[in-house]
N, C-alpha and C. Protein backbone atom coordinates (compact mmCIF):
# COMPACT_ATOMS: atom_id res chain seq x y z
N UNK A 1 6.21 14.65 -2.59
CA UNK A 1 4.95 14.01 -2.28
C UNK A 1 5.17 12.79 -1.40
N UNK A 2 6.22 12.78 -0.62
CA UNK A 2 6.48 11.65 0.26
C UNK A 2 5.43 11.54 1.36
N UNK A 3 4.62 12.56 1.56
CA UNK A 3 3.60 12.54 2.61
C UNK A 3 2.24 12.10 2.07
N UNK A 4 2.23 11.32 1.01
CA UNK A 4 0.98 10.85 0.42
C UNK A 4 0.19 10.03 1.44
N UNK A 5 0.91 9.25 2.25
CA UNK A 5 0.27 8.42 3.26
C UNK A 5 0.79 8.85 4.62
N UNK A 6 -0.08 8.88 5.59
CA UNK A 6 0.27 9.30 6.93
C UNK A 6 1.38 8.42 7.52
N UNK A 7 2.36 9.03 8.21
CA UNK A 7 3.39 8.21 8.86
C UNK A 7 2.81 7.19 9.83
N UNK A 8 1.67 7.50 10.43
CA UNK A 8 1.05 6.53 11.36
C UNK A 8 0.50 5.31 10.63
N UNK A 9 0.36 5.40 9.30
CA UNK A 9 -0.14 4.27 8.51
C UNK A 9 0.98 3.30 8.13
N UNK A 10 2.24 3.68 8.40
CA UNK A 10 3.39 2.86 8.02
C UNK A 10 3.84 2.03 9.23
N UNK A 11 3.86 0.71 9.02
CA UNK A 11 4.27 -0.21 10.09
C UNK A 11 5.42 -1.08 9.62
N UNK A 12 6.38 -1.27 10.47
CA UNK A 12 7.53 -2.14 10.18
C UNK A 12 7.28 -3.51 10.81
N UNK A 13 7.59 -4.57 10.06
CA UNK A 13 7.41 -5.96 10.50
C UNK A 13 6.02 -6.20 11.11
N UNK A 14 4.98 -5.90 10.35
CA UNK A 14 3.62 -6.04 10.90
C UNK A 14 3.26 -7.51 11.14
N UNK A 15 2.80 -7.85 12.33
CA UNK A 15 2.49 -9.25 12.62
C UNK A 15 1.05 -9.66 12.27
N UNK A 16 0.20 -8.67 12.03
CA UNK A 16 -1.23 -8.94 11.97
C UNK A 16 -1.83 -8.84 10.57
N UNK A 17 -1.02 -8.99 9.52
CA UNK A 17 -1.57 -8.89 8.18
C UNK A 17 -1.37 -10.19 7.41
N UNK A 18 -2.22 -10.37 6.41
CA UNK A 18 -2.06 -11.51 5.52
C UNK A 18 -1.82 -11.00 4.11
N UNK A 19 -0.97 -11.70 3.39
CA UNK A 19 -0.66 -11.36 2.00
C UNK A 19 -1.81 -11.82 1.14
N UNK A 20 -2.30 -10.92 0.27
CA UNK A 20 -3.44 -11.24 -0.58
C UNK A 20 -3.01 -11.52 -2.01
N UNK A 21 -2.23 -10.58 -2.59
CA UNK A 21 -1.88 -10.73 -4.01
C UNK A 21 -0.63 -9.91 -4.31
N UNK A 22 0.31 -10.52 -5.01
CA UNK A 22 1.49 -9.79 -5.46
C UNK A 22 1.07 -8.85 -6.58
N UNK A 23 1.59 -7.60 -6.55
CA UNK A 23 1.20 -6.60 -7.55
C UNK A 23 2.41 -5.81 -8.03
N UNK A 24 2.23 -5.22 -9.21
CA UNK A 24 3.18 -4.23 -9.71
C UNK A 24 2.69 -2.86 -9.25
N UNK A 25 3.49 -1.84 -9.46
CA UNK A 25 3.07 -0.48 -9.13
C UNK A 25 1.83 -0.10 -9.93
N UNK A 26 1.77 -0.48 -11.21
CA UNK A 26 0.60 -0.18 -12.03
C UNK A 26 -0.65 -0.88 -11.49
N UNK A 27 -0.53 -2.12 -11.10
CA UNK A 27 -1.67 -2.85 -10.54
C UNK A 27 -2.12 -2.22 -9.22
N UNK A 28 -1.18 -1.73 -8.42
CA UNK A 28 -1.54 -1.05 -7.18
C UNK A 28 -2.28 0.24 -7.50
N UNK A 29 -1.82 0.98 -8.50
CA UNK A 29 -2.51 2.20 -8.93
C UNK A 29 -3.94 1.88 -9.35
N UNK A 30 -4.12 0.81 -10.10
CA UNK A 30 -5.46 0.40 -10.53
C UNK A 30 -6.34 0.05 -9.33
N UNK A 31 -5.76 -0.63 -8.35
CA UNK A 31 -6.49 -0.99 -7.13
C UNK A 31 -6.96 0.28 -6.41
N UNK A 32 -6.05 1.25 -6.28
CA UNK A 32 -6.42 2.52 -5.66
C UNK A 32 -7.53 3.22 -6.43
N UNK A 33 -7.44 3.20 -7.75
CA UNK A 33 -8.47 3.85 -8.58
C UNK A 33 -9.83 3.19 -8.37
N UNK A 34 -9.87 1.89 -8.23
CA UNK A 34 -11.14 1.21 -7.98
C UNK A 34 -11.74 1.67 -6.65
N UNK A 35 -10.89 1.93 -5.68
CA UNK A 35 -11.38 2.34 -4.36
C UNK A 35 -11.65 3.84 -4.26
N UNK A 36 -10.86 4.65 -4.96
CA UNK A 36 -10.94 6.10 -4.78
C UNK A 36 -11.18 6.87 -6.07
N UNK A 37 -11.58 6.21 -7.13
CA UNK A 37 -11.73 6.86 -8.43
C UNK A 37 -12.75 7.97 -8.48
N UNK A 38 -13.67 8.03 -7.53
CA UNK A 38 -14.69 9.06 -7.54
C UNK A 38 -14.22 10.37 -6.89
N UNK A 39 -12.97 10.44 -6.52
CA UNK A 39 -12.42 11.66 -5.92
C UNK A 39 -12.23 12.74 -6.98
N UNK A 40 -12.10 14.01 -6.57
CA UNK A 40 -11.81 15.08 -7.53
C UNK A 40 -10.49 14.81 -8.26
N UNK A 41 -10.40 15.34 -9.46
CA UNK A 41 -9.25 15.09 -10.34
C UNK A 41 -7.92 15.39 -9.66
N UNK A 42 -7.81 16.48 -8.92
CA UNK A 42 -6.53 16.85 -8.30
C UNK A 42 -6.09 15.84 -7.23
N UNK A 43 -7.02 15.07 -6.70
CA UNK A 43 -6.66 14.03 -5.74
C UNK A 43 -6.41 12.68 -6.41
N UNK A 44 -7.02 12.47 -7.57
CA UNK A 44 -6.85 11.21 -8.30
C UNK A 44 -5.54 11.20 -9.09
N UNK A 45 -5.10 12.35 -9.56
CA UNK A 45 -3.91 12.42 -10.41
C UNK A 45 -2.67 11.80 -9.78
N UNK A 46 -2.38 12.02 -8.48
CA UNK A 46 -1.19 11.37 -7.89
C UNK A 46 -1.30 9.84 -7.87
N UNK A 47 -2.51 9.32 -7.88
CA UNK A 47 -2.70 7.87 -7.90
C UNK A 47 -2.41 7.33 -9.30
N UNK A 48 -2.78 8.08 -10.32
CA UNK A 48 -2.56 7.64 -11.71
C UNK A 48 -1.11 7.80 -12.15
N UNK A 49 -0.45 8.84 -11.65
CA UNK A 49 0.93 9.13 -12.06
C UNK A 49 1.87 8.20 -11.27
N UNK A 50 2.44 7.23 -11.95
CA UNK A 50 3.25 6.22 -11.26
C UNK A 50 4.49 6.78 -10.59
N UNK A 51 5.08 7.82 -11.18
CA UNK A 51 6.26 8.44 -10.56
C UNK A 51 5.88 9.08 -9.23
N UNK A 52 4.77 9.78 -9.20
CA UNK A 52 4.30 10.41 -7.96
C UNK A 52 3.89 9.35 -6.94
N UNK A 53 3.21 8.32 -7.41
CA UNK A 53 2.79 7.25 -6.52
C UNK A 53 4.01 6.55 -5.90
N UNK A 54 5.02 6.32 -6.70
CA UNK A 54 6.25 5.68 -6.20
C UNK A 54 6.91 6.56 -5.13
N UNK A 55 6.93 7.88 -5.35
CA UNK A 55 7.47 8.79 -4.33
C UNK A 55 6.63 8.74 -3.06
N UNK A 56 5.31 8.60 -3.23
CA UNK A 56 4.42 8.49 -2.08
C UNK A 56 4.66 7.22 -1.28
N UNK A 57 5.14 6.20 -1.95
CA UNK A 57 5.46 4.93 -1.30
C UNK A 57 6.93 4.86 -0.88
N UNK A 58 7.52 6.02 -0.63
CA UNK A 58 8.95 6.12 -0.29
C UNK A 58 9.37 5.18 0.83
N UNK A 59 8.58 5.01 1.90
CA UNK A 59 9.03 4.08 2.95
C UNK A 59 9.29 2.67 2.42
N UNK A 60 8.55 2.27 1.41
CA UNK A 60 8.74 0.96 0.80
C UNK A 60 9.90 0.99 -0.18
N UNK A 61 9.88 1.95 -1.10
CA UNK A 61 10.89 1.98 -2.16
C UNK A 61 12.29 2.30 -1.65
N UNK A 62 12.40 2.98 -0.51
CA UNK A 62 13.72 3.26 0.05
C UNK A 62 14.41 1.98 0.54
N UNK A 63 13.64 0.95 0.84
CA UNK A 63 14.21 -0.30 1.35
C UNK A 63 14.10 -1.46 0.37
N UNK A 64 13.57 -1.22 -0.81
CA UNK A 64 13.39 -2.27 -1.80
C UNK A 64 14.73 -2.82 -2.27
N UNK A 65 14.86 -4.14 -2.25
CA UNK A 65 16.07 -4.83 -2.71
C UNK A 65 15.71 -5.81 -3.82
N UNK A 66 16.72 -6.29 -4.52
CA UNK A 66 16.48 -7.34 -5.52
C UNK A 66 15.80 -8.52 -4.84
N UNK A 67 14.78 -9.05 -5.49
CA UNK A 67 14.05 -10.19 -4.95
C UNK A 67 12.85 -9.82 -4.11
N UNK A 68 12.73 -8.54 -3.70
CA UNK A 68 11.58 -8.08 -2.94
C UNK A 68 10.39 -7.90 -3.88
N UNK A 69 9.20 -7.85 -3.31
CA UNK A 69 8.00 -7.64 -4.11
C UNK A 69 6.98 -6.82 -3.34
N UNK A 70 6.00 -6.29 -4.08
CA UNK A 70 4.89 -5.55 -3.49
C UNK A 70 3.69 -6.47 -3.42
N UNK A 71 2.97 -6.41 -2.31
CA UNK A 71 1.78 -7.23 -2.13
C UNK A 71 0.64 -6.41 -1.57
N UNK A 72 -0.56 -6.63 -2.11
CA UNK A 72 -1.76 -6.13 -1.46
C UNK A 72 -1.95 -7.00 -0.22
N UNK A 73 -2.33 -6.37 0.87
CA UNK A 73 -2.48 -7.08 2.14
C UNK A 73 -3.74 -6.62 2.84
N UNK A 74 -4.11 -7.36 3.86
CA UNK A 74 -5.24 -6.95 4.71
C UNK A 74 -5.00 -7.50 6.11
N UNK A 75 -5.70 -6.90 7.05
CA UNK A 75 -5.58 -7.38 8.42
C UNK A 75 -6.16 -8.79 8.51
N UNK A 76 -5.63 -9.55 9.42
CA UNK A 76 -6.10 -10.94 9.59
C UNK A 76 -7.54 -10.97 10.11
N UNK A 77 -7.94 -9.96 10.84
CA UNK A 77 -9.30 -9.88 11.37
C UNK A 77 -10.05 -8.78 10.61
N UNK A 78 -11.12 -9.17 9.94
CA UNK A 78 -11.96 -8.22 9.20
C UNK A 78 -13.38 -8.37 9.74
N UNK A 79 -14.02 -7.27 10.01
CA UNK A 79 -15.39 -7.31 10.49
C UNK A 79 -16.00 -5.92 10.43
N UNK A 80 -17.24 -5.77 10.89
CA UNK A 80 -17.88 -4.46 10.89
C UNK A 80 -17.02 -3.46 11.67
N UNK A 81 -16.64 -2.41 10.99
CA UNK A 81 -15.84 -1.34 11.58
C UNK A 81 -14.50 -1.82 12.15
N UNK A 82 -14.00 -2.92 11.60
CA UNK A 82 -12.72 -3.44 12.07
C UNK A 82 -11.95 -4.03 10.89
N UNK A 83 -10.70 -3.66 10.79
CA UNK A 83 -9.85 -4.21 9.74
C UNK A 83 -9.26 -3.12 8.87
N UNK A 84 -8.32 -3.51 8.02
CA UNK A 84 -7.66 -2.56 7.13
C UNK A 84 -7.07 -3.30 5.94
N UNK A 85 -6.78 -2.52 4.90
CA UNK A 85 -6.14 -3.05 3.70
C UNK A 85 -5.02 -2.10 3.31
N UNK A 86 -4.01 -2.62 2.62
CA UNK A 86 -2.91 -1.78 2.20
C UNK A 86 -1.93 -2.51 1.33
N UNK A 87 -0.70 -2.01 1.32
CA UNK A 87 0.37 -2.57 0.50
C UNK A 87 1.60 -2.79 1.37
N UNK A 88 2.33 -3.85 1.04
CA UNK A 88 3.52 -4.17 1.82
C UNK A 88 4.71 -4.49 0.91
N UNK A 89 5.88 -4.18 1.42
CA UNK A 89 7.13 -4.65 0.85
C UNK A 89 7.35 -6.04 1.47
N UNK A 90 7.49 -7.04 0.61
CA UNK A 90 7.64 -8.41 1.09
C UNK A 90 9.01 -8.93 0.70
N UNK A 91 9.69 -9.49 1.69
CA UNK A 91 11.03 -10.07 1.49
C UNK A 91 11.03 -11.46 2.12
N UNK A 92 11.45 -12.44 1.36
CA UNK A 92 11.48 -13.82 1.86
C UNK A 92 10.12 -14.25 2.42
N UNK A 93 9.06 -13.87 1.72
CA UNK A 93 7.67 -14.23 2.06
C UNK A 93 7.19 -13.61 3.37
N UNK A 94 7.90 -12.57 3.85
CA UNK A 94 7.50 -11.90 5.08
C UNK A 94 7.32 -10.41 4.82
N UNK A 95 6.23 -9.81 5.31
CA UNK A 95 6.05 -8.37 5.15
C UNK A 95 7.08 -7.61 5.99
N UNK A 96 7.78 -6.69 5.35
CA UNK A 96 8.82 -5.91 6.01
C UNK A 96 8.28 -4.54 6.40
N UNK A 97 7.61 -3.90 5.45
CA UNK A 97 7.00 -2.59 5.68
C UNK A 97 5.59 -2.64 5.12
N UNK A 98 4.63 -2.18 5.88
CA UNK A 98 3.22 -2.19 5.48
C UNK A 98 2.68 -0.78 5.57
N UNK A 99 1.96 -0.36 4.54
CA UNK A 99 1.29 0.94 4.56
C UNK A 99 -0.22 0.69 4.51
N UNK A 100 -0.90 1.04 5.57
CA UNK A 100 -2.34 0.90 5.65
C UNK A 100 -2.98 1.98 4.77
N UNK A 101 -3.84 1.56 3.85
CA UNK A 101 -4.48 2.49 2.93
C UNK A 101 -5.94 2.70 3.32
N UNK A 102 -6.64 1.63 3.61
CA UNK A 102 -8.07 1.70 3.93
C UNK A 102 -8.29 1.15 5.34
N UNK A 103 -8.90 1.96 6.18
CA UNK A 103 -9.28 1.53 7.52
C UNK A 103 -10.77 1.27 7.51
N UNK A 104 -11.20 0.13 7.95
CA UNK A 104 -12.63 -0.22 7.97
C UNK A 104 -13.31 0.35 9.19
């Protein structure tokens, strides 16, 4: 299930995002459920199953090191039909890998 998120949604060293909140994998799952909980069960299950979700976040987890953290992030510019939200691997207070989840 490594293809949970489109490869085009994965950005390395993104310059245009702001860190919103540090999260655990469970908190990220909860965030996804708040946004996508109305989906059919077969689409919601990978979000609830932390092992599957972690595999879906492979670009992040493949590079995770001691001291790194996961952060909810968003684009610095948000407006009508503009902006995005997602999750990032953060190292030394800098986003290393960002996965865009929601495009406005």
